[in-house]
Amino acid sequence: VTQLVALSHRYGVRGGLGGLIILAALACPLVPASYGSA
């Protein structure tokens, strides 16, 4: 999420979309122990 905010701050909408792709990639591996998408 910090990466999402950093990319959004630096590159605007395009950076935000890139950050969302990173979060989408993290969501499943975070499910078992670290709350996933929630």
PDB file of all heavy atoms in Angstrom:
ATOM      1  N   VAL A   1       0.835  -1.207   0.000  1.00  0.00           N
ATOM      2  CA  VAL A   1       0.000   0.000   0.000  1.00  0.00           C
ATOM      3  C   VAL A   1       0.870   1.257   0.000  1.00  0.00           C
ATOM      4  O   VAL A   1       0.527   2.257  -0.642  1.00  0.00           O
ATOM      5  CB  VAL A   1      -0.967  -0.007   1.197  1.00  0.00           C
ATOM      6  CG1 VAL A   1      -1.833   1.252   1.193  1.00  0.00           C
ATOM      7  CG2 VAL A   1      -1.862  -1.239   1.165  1.00  0.00           C
ATOM      8  N   THR A   2       1.999   1.216   0.693  1.00  0.00           N
ATOM      9  CA  THR A   2       2.925   2.354   0.628  1.00  0.00           C
ATOM     10  C   THR A   2       3.424   2.554  -0.795  1.00  0.00           C
ATOM     11  O   THR A   2       3.550   3.694  -1.269  1.00  0.00           O
ATOM     12  CB  THR A   2       4.118   2.138   1.575  1.00  0.00           C
ATOM     13  OG1 THR A   2       3.648   1.915   2.907  1.00  0.00           O
ATOM     14  CG2 THR A   2       5.035   3.362   1.585  1.00  0.00           C
ATOM     15  N   GLN A   3       3.703   1.455  -1.496  1.00  0.00           N
ATOM     16  CA  GLN A   3       4.133   1.560  -2.895  1.00  0.00           C
ATOM     17  C   GLN A   3       3.038   2.155  -3.765  1.00  0.00           C
ATOM     18  O   GLN A   3       3.306   2.989  -4.639  1.00  0.00           O
ATOM     19  CB  GLN A   3       4.512   0.175  -3.423  1.00  0.00           C
ATOM     20  CG  GLN A   3       5.140   0.211  -4.814  1.00  0.00           C
ATOM     21  CD  GLN A   3       6.468   0.951  -4.803  1.00  0.00           C
ATOM     22  OE1 GLN A   3       7.457   0.475  -4.273  1.00  0.00           O
ATOM     23  NE2 GLN A   3       6.490   2.149  -5.404  1.00  0.00           N
ATOM     24  N   LEU A   4       1.798   1.750  -3.526  1.00  0.00           N
ATOM     25  CA  LEU A   4       0.672   2.338  -4.251  1.00  0.00           C
ATOM     26  C   LEU A   4       0.611   3.840  -4.050  1.00  0.00           C
ATOM     27  O   LEU A   4       0.467   4.614  -5.013  1.00  0.00           O
ATOM     28  CB  LEU A   4      -0.636   1.692  -3.784  1.00  0.00           C
ATOM     29  CG  LEU A   4      -1.945   2.390  -4.197  1.00  0.00           C
ATOM     30  CD1 LEU A   4      -2.118   2.369  -5.704  1.00  0.00           C
ATOM     31  CD2 LEU A   4      -3.143   1.740  -3.494  1.00  0.00           C
ATOM     32  N   VAL A   5       0.732   4.286  -2.807  1.00  0.00           N
ATOM     33  CA  VAL A   5       0.660   5.715  -2.500  1.00  0.00           C
ATOM     34  C   VAL A   5       1.841   6.449  -3.129  1.00  0.00           C
ATOM     35  O   VAL A   5       1.685   7.551  -3.688  1.00  0.00           O
ATOM     36  CB  VAL A   5       0.624   5.937  -0.978  1.00  0.00           C
ATOM     37  CG1 VAL A   5       0.621   7.424  -0.646  1.00  0.00           C
ATOM     38  CG2 VAL A   5      -0.599   5.262  -0.362  1.00  0.00           C
ATOM     39  N   ALA A   6       3.045   5.852  -3.058  1.00  0.00           N
ATOM     40  CA  ALA A   6       4.230   6.484  -3.636  1.00  0.00           C
ATOM     41  C   ALA A   6       4.100   6.639  -5.145  1.00  0.00           C
ATOM     42  O   ALA A   6       4.414   7.698  -5.719  1.00  0.00           O
ATOM     43  CB  ALA A   6       5.472   5.652  -3.297  1.00  0.00           C
ATOM     44  N   LEU A   7       3.617   5.593  -5.823  1.00  0.00           N
ATOM     45  CA  LEU A   7       3.440   5.667  -7.275  1.00  0.00           C
ATOM     46  C   LEU A   7       2.358   6.669  -7.656  1.00  0.00           C
ATOM     47  O   LEU A   7       2.496   7.406  -8.640  1.00  0.00           O
ATOM     48  CB  LEU A   7       3.102   4.281  -7.817  1.00  0.00           C
ATOM     49  CG  LEU A   7       4.246   3.253  -7.800  1.00  0.00           C
ATOM     50  CD1 LEU A   7       3.727   1.874  -8.186  1.00  0.00           C
ATOM     51  CD2 LEU A   7       5.373   3.678  -8.726  1.00  0.00           C
ATOM     52  N   SER A   8       1.280   6.701  -6.882  1.00  0.00           N
ATOM     53  CA  SER A   8       0.204   7.656  -7.159  1.00  0.00           C
ATOM     54  C   SER A   8       0.691   9.090  -6.979  1.00  0.00           C
ATOM     55  O   SER A   8       0.356   9.988  -7.768  1.00  0.00           O
ATOM     56  CB  SER A   8      -0.989   7.391  -6.239  1.00  0.00           C
ATOM     57  OG  SER A   8      -1.517   6.106  -6.452  1.00  0.00           O
ATOM     58  N   HIS A   9       1.470   9.310  -5.932  1.00  0.00           N
ATOM     59  CA  HIS A   9       1.993  10.652  -5.663  1.00  0.00           C
ATOM     60  C   HIS A   9       2.928  11.115  -6.774  1.00  0.00           C
ATOM     61  O   HIS A   9       2.908  12.293  -7.161  1.00  0.00           O
ATOM     62  CB  HIS A   9       2.730  10.653  -4.323  1.00  0.00           C
ATOM     63  CG  HIS A   9       3.359  11.972  -3.985  1.00  0.00           C
ATOM     64  ND1 HIS A   9       2.630  13.061  -3.566  1.00  0.00           N
ATOM     65  CD2 HIS A   9       4.668  12.376  -4.015  1.00  0.00           C
ATOM     66  CE1 HIS A   9       3.442  14.086  -3.348  1.00  0.00           C
ATOM     67  NE2 HIS A   9       4.682  13.692  -3.621  1.00  0.00           N
ATOM     68  N   ARG A  10       3.716  10.194  -7.318  1.00  0.00           N
ATOM     69  CA  ARG A  10       4.728  10.575  -8.310  1.00  0.00           C
ATOM     70  C   ARG A  10       4.191  10.599  -9.734  1.00  0.00           C
ATOM     71  O   ARG A  10       4.549  11.479 -10.531  1.00  0.00           O
ATOM     72  CB  ARG A  10       5.914   9.609  -8.228  1.00  0.00           C
ATOM     73  CG  ARG A  10       7.089  10.008  -9.112  1.00  0.00           C
ATOM     74  CD  ARG A  10       8.304   9.190  -8.812  1.00  0.00           C
ATOM     75  NE  ARG A  10       9.447   9.608  -9.598  1.00  0.00           N
ATOM     76  CZ  ARG A  10      10.658   9.074  -9.514  1.00  0.00           C
ATOM     77  NH1 ARG A  10      10.884   8.082  -8.651  1.00  0.00           N
ATOM     78  NH2 ARG A  10      11.642   9.499 -10.276  1.00  0.00           N
ATOM     79  N   TYR A  11       3.321   9.627 -10.074  1.00  0.00           N
ATOM     80  CA  TYR A  11       2.908   9.483 -11.470  1.00  0.00           C
ATOM     81  C   TYR A  11       1.410   9.674 -11.692  1.00  0.00           C
ATOM     82  O   TYR A  11       0.928   9.453 -12.806  1.00  0.00           O
ATOM     83  CB  TYR A  11       3.319   8.100 -11.994  1.00  0.00           C
ATOM     84  CG  TYR A  11       4.804   7.854 -11.943  1.00  0.00           C
ATOM     85  CD1 TYR A  11       5.351   6.953 -11.031  1.00  0.00           C
ATOM     86  CD2 TYR A  11       5.662   8.520 -12.817  1.00  0.00           C
ATOM     87  CE1 TYR A  11       6.714   6.721 -10.984  1.00  0.00           C
ATOM     88  CE2 TYR A  11       7.029   8.295 -12.776  1.00  0.00           C
ATOM     89  CZ  TYR A  11       7.549   7.390 -11.857  1.00  0.00           C
ATOM     90  OH  TYR A  11       8.904   7.171 -11.816  1.00  0.00           O
ATOM     91  N   GLY A  12       0.671  10.018 -10.658  1.00  0.00           N
ATOM     92  CA  GLY A  12      -0.749  10.272 -10.823  1.00  0.00           C
ATOM     93  C   GLY A  12      -1.551   9.010 -11.093  1.00  0.00           C
ATOM     94  O   GLY A  12      -1.297   7.962 -10.493  1.00  0.00           O
ATOM     95  N   VAL A  13      -2.505   9.090 -12.019  1.00  0.00           N
ATOM     96  CA  VAL A  13      -3.418   7.976 -12.282  1.00  0.00           C
ATOM     97  C   VAL A  13      -2.655   6.749 -12.774  1.00  0.00           C
ATOM     98  O   VAL A  13      -2.931   5.622 -12.359  1.00  0.00           O
ATOM     99  CB  VAL A  13      -4.491   8.394 -13.307  1.00  0.00           C
ATOM    100  CG1 VAL A  13      -5.353   7.195 -13.688  1.00  0.00           C
ATOM    101  CG2 VAL A  13      -5.359   9.512 -12.738  1.00  0.00           C
ATOM    102  N   ARG A  14      -1.689   6.946 -13.669  1.00  0.00           N
ATOM    103  CA  ARG A  14      -0.919   5.809 -14.179  1.00  0.00           C
ATOM    104  C   ARG A  14      -0.157   5.106 -13.062  1.00  0.00           C
ATOM    105  O   ARG A  14      -0.093   3.878 -13.016  1.00  0.00           O
ATOM    106  CB  ARG A  14       0.049   6.271 -15.265  1.00  0.00           C
ATOM    107  CG  ARG A  14      -0.615   6.667 -16.579  1.00  0.00           C
ATOM    108  CD  ARG A  14       0.420   7.061 -17.600  1.00  0.00           C
ATOM    109  NE  ARG A  14       1.226   8.191 -17.139  1.00  0.00           N
ATOM    110  CZ  ARG A  14       2.331   8.626 -17.744  1.00  0.00           C
ATOM    111  NH1 ARG A  14       2.760   8.026 -18.839  1.00  0.00           N
ATOM    112  NH2 ARG A  14       2.982   9.663 -17.274  1.00  0.00           N
ATOM    113  N   GLY A  15       0.407   5.894 -12.162  1.00  0.00           N
ATOM    114  CA  GLY A  15       1.095   5.292 -11.020  1.00  0.00           C
ATOM    115  C   GLY A  15       0.133   4.548 -10.119  1.00  0.00           C
ATOM    116  O   GLY A  15       0.452   3.467  -9.617  1.00  0.00           O
ATOM    117  N   GLY A  16      -1.068   5.111  -9.927  1.00  0.00           N
ATOM    118  CA  GLY A  16      -2.070   4.428  -9.108  1.00  0.00           C
ATOM    119  C   GLY A  16      -2.480   3.094  -9.697  1.00  0.00           C
ATOM    120  O   GLY A  16      -2.652   2.106  -8.973  1.00  0.00           O
ATOM    121  N   LEU A  17      -2.634   3.050 -11.022  1.00  0.00           N
ATOM    122  CA  LEU A  17      -2.978   1.784 -11.674  1.00  0.00           C
ATOM    123  C   LEU A  17      -1.858   0.757 -11.509  1.00  0.00           C
ATOM    124  O   LEU A  17      -2.112  -0.429 -11.271  1.00  0.00           O
ATOM    125  CB  LEU A  17      -3.254   2.025 -13.162  1.00  0.00           C
ATOM    126  CG  LEU A  17      -4.532   2.813 -13.482  1.00  0.00           C
ATOM    127  CD1 LEU A  17      -4.618   3.104 -14.974  1.00  0.00           C
ATOM    128  CD2 LEU A  17      -5.761   2.042 -13.012  1.00  0.00           C
ATOM    129  N   GLY A  18      -0.615   1.222 -11.611  1.00  0.00           N
ATOM    130  CA  GLY A  18       0.508   0.316 -11.381  1.00  0.00           C
ATOM    131  C   GLY A  18       0.517  -0.209  -9.958  1.00  0.00           C
ATOM    132  O   GLY A  18       0.790  -1.390  -9.715  1.00  0.00           O
ATOM    133  N   GLY A  19       0.209   0.670  -9.008  1.00  0.00           N
ATOM    134  CA  GLY A  19       0.145   0.242  -7.614  1.00  0.00           C
ATOM    135  C   GLY A  19      -0.959  -0.760  -7.374  1.00  0.00           C
ATOM    136  O   GLY A  19      -0.790  -1.716  -6.599  1.00  0.00           O
ATOM    137  N   LEU A  20      -2.096  -0.580  -8.037  1.00  0.00           N
ATOM    138  CA  LEU A  20      -3.205  -1.533  -7.889  1.00  0.00           C
ATOM    139  C   LEU A  20      -2.839  -2.905  -8.455  1.00  0.00           C
ATOM    140  O   LEU A  20      -3.269  -3.937  -7.919  1.00  0.00           O
ATOM    141  CB  LEU A  20      -4.455  -0.996  -8.590  1.00  0.00           C
ATOM    142  CG  LEU A  20      -5.136   0.195  -7.900  1.00  0.00           C
ATOM    143  CD1 LEU A  20      -6.278   0.710  -8.760  1.00  0.00           C
ATOM    144  CD2 LEU A  20      -5.646  -0.193  -6.515  1.00  0.00           C
ATOM    145  N   ILE A  21      -2.050  -2.930  -9.518  1.00  0.00           N
ATOM    146  CA  ILE A  21      -1.588  -4.216 -10.061  1.00  0.00           C
ATOM    147  C   ILE A  21      -0.711  -4.934  -9.044  1.00  0.00           C
ATOM    148  O   ILE A  21      -0.817  -6.155  -8.854  1.00  0.00           O
ATOM    149  CB  ILE A  21      -0.829  -3.989 -11.390  1.00  0.00           C
ATOM    150  CG1 ILE A  21      -1.805  -3.504 -12.465  1.00  0.00           C
ATOM    151  CG2 ILE A  21      -0.116  -5.268 -11.831  1.00  0.00           C
ATOM    152  CD1 ILE A  21      -1.130  -3.083 -13.751  1.00  0.00           C
ATOM    153  N   ILE A  22       0.142  -4.181  -8.361  1.00  0.00           N
ATOM    154  CA  ILE A  22       0.983  -4.774  -7.314  1.00  0.00           C
ATOM    155  C   ILE A  22       0.120  -5.356  -6.200  1.00  0.00           C
ATOM    156  O   ILE A  22       0.353  -6.477  -5.731  1.00  0.00           O
ATOM    157  CB  ILE A  22       1.962  -3.716  -6.758  1.00  0.00           C
ATOM    158  CG1 ILE A  22       2.970  -3.311  -7.831  1.00  0.00           C
ATOM    159  CG2 ILE A  22       2.682  -4.245  -5.520  1.00  0.00           C
ATOM    160  CD1 ILE A  22       3.869  -2.155  -7.425  1.00  0.00           C
ATOM    161  N   LEU A  23      -0.899  -4.605  -5.760  1.00  0.00           N
ATOM    162  CA  LEU A  23      -1.777  -5.095  -4.697  1.00  0.00           C
ATOM    163  C   LEU A  23      -2.548  -6.331  -5.147  1.00  0.00           C
ATOM    164  O   LEU A  23      -2.756  -7.258  -4.348  1.00  0.00           O
ATOM    165  CB  LEU A  23      -2.758  -4.003  -4.264  1.00  0.00           C
ATOM    166  CG  LEU A  23      -2.165  -2.755  -3.608  1.00  0.00           C
ATOM    167  CD1 LEU A  23      -3.279  -1.916  -2.989  1.00  0.00           C
ATOM    168  CD2 LEU A  23      -1.128  -3.109  -2.560  1.00  0.00           C
ATOM    169  N   ALA A  24      -2.966  -6.363  -6.410  1.00  0.00           N
ATOM    170  CA  ALA A  24      -3.680  -7.533  -6.922  1.00  0.00           C
ATOM    171  C   ALA A  24      -2.783  -8.767  -6.883  1.00  0.00           C
ATOM    172  O   ALA A  24      -3.241  -9.878  -6.577  1.00  0.00           O
ATOM    173  CB  ALA A  24      -4.167  -7.269  -8.347  1.00  0.00           C
ATOM    174  N   ALA A  25      -1.494  -8.573  -7.174  1.00  0.00           N
ATOM    175  CA  ALA A  25      -0.556  -9.697  -7.135  1.00  0.00           C
ATOM    176  C   ALA A  25      -0.309 -10.166  -5.710  1.00  0.00           C
ATOM    177  O   ALA A  25      -0.043 -11.350  -5.467  1.00  0.00           O
ATOM    178  CB  ALA A  25       0.761  -9.290  -7.797  1.00  0.00           C
ATOM    179  N   LEU A  26      -0.408  -9.245  -4.751  1.00  0.00           N
ATOM    180  CA  LEU A  26      -0.157  -9.597  -3.346  1.00  0.00           C
ATOM    181  C   LEU A  26      -1.372 -10.222  -2.666  1.00  0.00           C
ATOM    182  O   LEU A  26      -1.223 -10.938  -1.664  1.00  0.00           O
ATOM    183  CB  LEU A  26       0.248  -8.349  -2.560  1.00  0.00           C
ATOM    184  CG  LEU A  26       1.614  -7.735  -2.841  1.00  0.00           C
ATOM    185  CD1 LEU A  26       1.758  -6.423  -2.071  1.00  0.00           C
ATOM    186  CD2 LEU A  26       2.734  -8.695  -2.457  1.00  0.00           C
ATOM    187  N   ALA A  27      -2.563  -9.964  -3.169  1.00  0.00           N
ATOM    188  CA  ALA A  27      -3.791 -10.310  -2.451  1.00  0.00           C
ATOM    189  C   ALA A  27      -3.873 -11.789  -2.095  1.00  0.00           C
ATOM    190  O   ALA A  27      -4.129 -12.144  -0.938  1.00  0.00           O
ATOM    191  CB  ALA A  27      -5.014  -9.894  -3.266  1.00  0.00           C
ATOM    192  N   CYS A  28      -3.651 -12.675  -3.046  1.00  0.00           N
ATOM    193  CA  CYS A  28      -3.776 -14.119  -2.770  1.00  0.00           C
ATOM    194  C   CYS A  28      -2.713 -14.634  -1.800  1.00  0.00           C
ATOM    195  O   CYS A  28      -3.049 -15.345  -0.842  1.00  0.00           O
ATOM    196  CB  CYS A  28      -3.746 -14.905  -4.079  1.00  0.00           C
ATOM    197  SG  CYS A  28      -5.283 -14.763  -5.017  1.00  0.00           S
ATOM    198  N   PRO A  29      -1.419 -14.299  -1.984  1.00  0.00           N
ATOM    199  CA  PRO A  29      -0.422 -14.761  -1.012  1.00  0.00           C
ATOM    200  C   PRO A  29      -0.623 -14.196   0.398  1.00  0.00           C
ATOM    201  O   PRO A  29      -0.096 -14.747   1.367  1.00  0.00           O
ATOM    202  CB  PRO A  29       0.908 -14.282  -1.606  1.00  0.00           C
ATOM    203  CG  PRO A  29       0.646 -14.090  -3.049  1.00  0.00           C
ATOM    204  CD  PRO A  29      -0.781 -13.657  -3.134  1.00  0.00           C
ATOM    205  N   LEU A  30      -1.381 -13.107   0.510  1.00  0.00           N
ATOM    206  CA  LEU A  30      -1.641 -12.525   1.829  1.00  0.00           C
ATOM    207  C   LEU A  30      -2.831 -13.172   2.530  1.00  0.00           C
ATOM    208  O   LEU A  30      -3.018 -12.977   3.734  1.00  0.00           O
ATOM    209  CB  LEU A  30      -1.892 -11.021   1.707  1.00  0.00           C
ATOM    210  CG  LEU A  30      -0.674 -10.145   1.389  1.00  0.00           C
ATOM    211  CD1 LEU A  30      -1.106  -8.720   1.083  1.00  0.00           C
ATOM    212  CD2 LEU A  30       0.338 -10.163   2.537  1.00  0.00           C
ATOM    213  N   VAL A  31      -3.636 -13.939   1.804  1.00  0.00           N
ATOM    214  CA  VAL A  31      -4.851 -14.509   2.386  1.00  0.00           C
ATOM    215  C   VAL A  31      -4.582 -15.447   3.564  1.00  0.00           C
ATOM    216  O   VAL A  31      -5.228 -15.332   4.614  1.00  0.00           O
ATOM    217  CB  VAL A  31      -5.690 -15.229   1.302  1.00  0.00           C
ATOM    218  CG1 VAL A  31      -6.794 -16.075   1.939  1.00  0.00           C
ATOM    219  CG2 VAL A  31      -6.305 -14.214   0.357  1.00  0.00           C
ATOM    220  N   PRO A  32      -3.641 -16.404   3.456  1.00  0.00           N
ATOM    221  CA  PRO A  32      -3.519 -17.400   4.535  1.00  0.00           C
ATOM    222  C   PRO A  32      -3.157 -16.817   5.898  1.00  0.00           C
ATOM    223  O   PRO A  32      -3.602 -17.321   6.928  1.00  0.00           O
ATOM    224  CB  PRO A  32      -2.400 -18.329   4.024  1.00  0.00           C
ATOM    225  CG  PRO A  32      -2.377 -18.136   2.552  1.00  0.00           C
ATOM    226  CD  PRO A  32      -2.737 -16.710   2.327  1.00  0.00           C
ATOM    227  N   ALA A  33      -2.339 -15.762   5.935  1.00  0.00           N
ATOM    228  CA  ALA A  33      -1.820 -15.303   7.230  1.00  0.00           C
ATOM    229  C   ALA A  33      -1.918 -13.803   7.448  1.00  0.00           C
ATOM    230  O   ALA A  33      -1.700 -13.347   8.572  1.00  0.00           O
ATOM    231  CB  ALA A  33      -0.357 -15.734   7.371  1.00  0.00           C
ATOM    232  N   SER A  34      -2.223 -13.031   6.406  1.00  0.00           N
ATOM    233  CA  SER A  34      -2.103 -11.577   6.526  1.00  0.00           C
ATOM    234  C   SER A  34      -3.297 -10.817   5.952  1.00  0.00           C
ATOM    235  O   SER A  34      -3.141  -9.738   5.391  1.00  0.00           O
ATOM    236  CB  SER A  34      -0.799 -11.106   5.864  1.00  0.00           C
ATOM    237  OG  SER A  34       0.322 -11.729   6.465  1.00  0.00           O
ATOM    238  N   TYR A  35      -4.497 -11.390   6.080  1.00  0.00           N
ATOM    239  CA  TYR A  35      -5.767 -10.693   5.868  1.00  0.00           C
ATOM    240  C   TYR A  35      -6.162 -10.441   4.423  1.00  0.00           C
ATOM    241  O   TYR A  35      -7.244  -9.923   4.178  1.00  0.00           O
ATOM    242  CB  TYR A  35      -5.782  -9.352   6.641  1.00  0.00           C
ATOM    243  CG  TYR A  35      -5.556  -9.523   8.113  1.00  0.00           C
ATOM    244  CD1 TYR A  35      -4.330  -9.209   8.693  1.00  0.00           C
ATOM    245  CD2 TYR A  35      -6.561 -10.030   8.931  1.00  0.00           C
ATOM    246  CE1 TYR A  35      -4.116  -9.386  10.050  1.00  0.00           C
ATOM    247  CE2 TYR A  35      -6.359 -10.205  10.296  1.00  0.00           C
ATOM    248  CZ  TYR A  35      -5.128  -9.888  10.848  1.00  0.00           C
ATOM    249  OH  TYR A  35      -4.923 -10.064  12.181  1.00  0.00           O
ATOM    250  N   GLY A  36      -5.334 -10.795   3.460  1.00  0.00           N
ATOM    251  CA  GLY A  36      -5.726 -10.733   2.062  1.00  0.00           C
ATOM    252  C   GLY A  36      -6.212  -9.366   1.614  1.00  0.00           C
ATOM    253  O   GLY A  36      -5.713  -8.323   2.043  1.00  0.00           O
ATOM    254  N   SER A  37      -7.216  -9.360   0.743  1.00  0.00           N
ATOM    255  CA  SER A  37      -7.715  -8.112   0.177  1.00  0.00           C
ATOM    256  C   SER A  37      -8.360  -7.218   1.230  1.00  0.00           C
ATOM    257  O   SER A  37      -8.294  -5.992   1.138  1.00  0.00           O
ATOM    258  CB  SER A  37      -8.711  -8.401  -0.950  1.00  0.00           C
ATOM    259  OG  SER A  37      -9.785  -9.197  -0.485  1.00  0.00           O
ATOM    260  N   ALA A  38      -8.969  -7.809   2.270  1.00  0.00           N
ATOM    261  CA  ALA A  38      -9.585  -6.991   3.323  1.00  0.00           C
ATOM    262  C   ALA A  38      -8.533  -6.153   4.043  1.00  0.00           C
ATOM    263  O   ALA A  38      -8.764  -4.978   4.357  1.00  0.00           O
ATOM    264  CB  ALA A  38     -10.319  -7.888   4.324  1.00  0.00           C
TER     265      ALA A  38
END
